[in-house]
C-alpha atoms as a PDB file:
ATOM      1  CA  MET A   1      54.951 244.706 213.853  1.00  0.00           C
ATOM      2  CA  LYS A   2      53.805 241.912 215.665  1.00  0.00           C
ATOM      3  CA  ALA A   3      50.450 239.992 215.766  1.00  0.00           C
ATOM      4  CA  SER A   4      50.038 240.521 219.462  1.00  0.00           C
ATOM      5  CA  ILE A   5      49.166 244.734 218.123  1.00  0.00           C
ATOM      6  CA  LEU A   6      45.856 243.769 217.357  1.00  0.00           C
ATOM      7  CA  ARG A   7      44.903 242.579 220.846  1.00  0.00           C
ATOM      8  CA  GLN A   8      46.469 246.258 222.025  1.00  0.00           C
ATOM      9  CA  VAL A   9      43.482 247.393 219.918  1.00  0.00           C
ATOM     10  CA  PRO A  10      39.991 247.525 221.516  1.00  0.00           C
ATOM     11  CA  GLY A  11      37.388 244.755 220.906  1.00  0.00           C
ATOM     12  CA  ILE A  12      40.399 242.550 219.478  1.00  0.00           C
ATOM     13  CA  GLY A  13      41.166 240.008 222.087  1.00  0.00           C
ATOM     14  CA  LYS A  14      43.212 236.488 221.615  1.00  0.00           C
ATOM     15  CA  LYS A  15      39.736 235.011 219.359  1.00  0.00           C
ATOM     16  CA  ARG A  16      39.815 237.715 217.026  1.00  0.00           C
ATOM     17  CA  GLN A  17      43.210 237.616 216.858  1.00  0.00           C
ATOM     18  CA  THR A  18      43.388 234.177 215.860  1.00  0.00           C
ATOM     19  CA  ALA A  19      40.863 234.622 213.095  1.00  0.00           C
ATOM     20  CA  LEU A  20      42.035 237.714 211.907  1.00  0.00           C
ATOM     21  CA  LEU A  21      45.568 235.740 210.876  1.00  0.00           C
ATOM     22  CA  ARG A  22      43.809 232.430 209.540  1.00  0.00           C
ATOM     23  CA  HIS A  23      41.912 234.692 207.343  1.00  0.00           C
ATOM     24  CA  PHE A  24      44.020 236.507 206.274  1.00  0.00           C
ATOM     25  CA  GLY A  25      47.026 235.048 206.629  1.00  0.00           C
ATOM     26  CA  SER A  26      49.596 237.552 208.204  1.00  0.00           C
ATOM     27  CA  LEU A  27      49.816 240.845 209.295  1.00  0.00           C
ATOM     28  CA  SER A  28      50.421 242.830 206.390  1.00  0.00           C
ATOM     29  CA  ARG A  29      47.575 241.618 204.356  1.00  0.00           C
ATOM     30  CA  VAL A  30      45.564 242.368 207.969  1.00  0.00           C
ATOM     31  CA  ARG A  31      46.639 245.834 207.076  1.00  0.00           C
ATOM     32  CA  LYS A  32      46.416 246.216 203.689  1.00  0.00           C
ATOM     33  CA  ALA A  33      42.415 244.733 204.552  1.00  0.00           C
ATOM     34  CA  SER A  34      39.015 247.553 203.870  1.00  0.00           C
ATOM     35  CA  VAL A  35      37.006 248.117 206.576  1.00  0.00           C
ATOM     36  CA  ASP A  36      34.724 245.852 205.057  1.00  0.00           C
ATOM     37  CA  GLU A  37      37.783 242.644 204.598  1.00  0.00           C
ATOM     38  CA  LEU A  38      38.117 243.011 208.042  1.00  0.00           C
ATOM     39  CA  ALA A  39      34.086 243.200 209.123  1.00  0.00           C
ATOM     40  CA  ALA A  40      33.655 239.802 206.993  1.00  0.00           C
ATOM     41  CA  VAL A  41      35.828 238.301 209.173  1.00  0.00           C
ATOM     42  CA  PRO A  42      33.985 235.706 210.787  1.00  0.00           C
ATOM     43  CA  GLY A  43      33.603 236.846 214.937  1.00  0.00           C
ATOM     44  CA  MET A  44      34.272 239.854 213.825  1.00  0.00           C
ATOM     45  CA  ASN A  45      31.586 243.018 213.499  1.00  0.00           C
ATOM     46  CA  ARG A  46      31.876 246.670 212.011  1.00  0.00           C
ATOM     47  CA  LYS A  47      32.567 248.208 214.896  1.00  0.00           C
ATOM     48  CA  ALA A  48      35.963 246.281 215.757  1.00  0.00           C
ATOM     49  CA  ALA A  49      36.362 246.395 212.056  1.00  0.00           C
ATOM     50  CA  GLU A  50      36.505 250.100 211.684  1.00  0.00           C
ATOM     51  CA  ALA A  51      38.737 250.361 215.671  1.00  0.00           C
ATOM     52  CA  LEU A  52      41.160 247.438 213.699  1.00  0.00           C
ATOM     53  CA  TYR A  53      41.466 249.635 210.679  1.00  0.00           C
ATOM     54  CA  GLN A  54      42.048 253.204 212.393  1.00  0.00           C
ATOM     55  CA  PHE A  55      44.810 251.637 214.774  1.00  0.00           C
ATOM     56  CA  LEU A  56      46.851 250.597 211.684  1.00  0.00           C
ATOM     57  CA  HIS A  57      46.235 253.461 209.431  1.00  0.00           C
ATOM     58  CA  ASN A  58      46.955 256.274 212.183  1.00  0.00           C
ATOM     59  CA  ASP A  59      50.394 256.676 211.805  1.00  0.00           C
END
């Protein structure tokens, strides 16, 4: 899975993608994060965190 997949999520643009990858260090760690952990990333909010979590775990 490439990092650009993050930007396919509504509400996740380049800035949030960068913030997520800087915070977690890898896409694999982003995928393992809880909604609360995602929401705690600077620049994220609860709605975006929930959308991202659902997108990553909907397979």
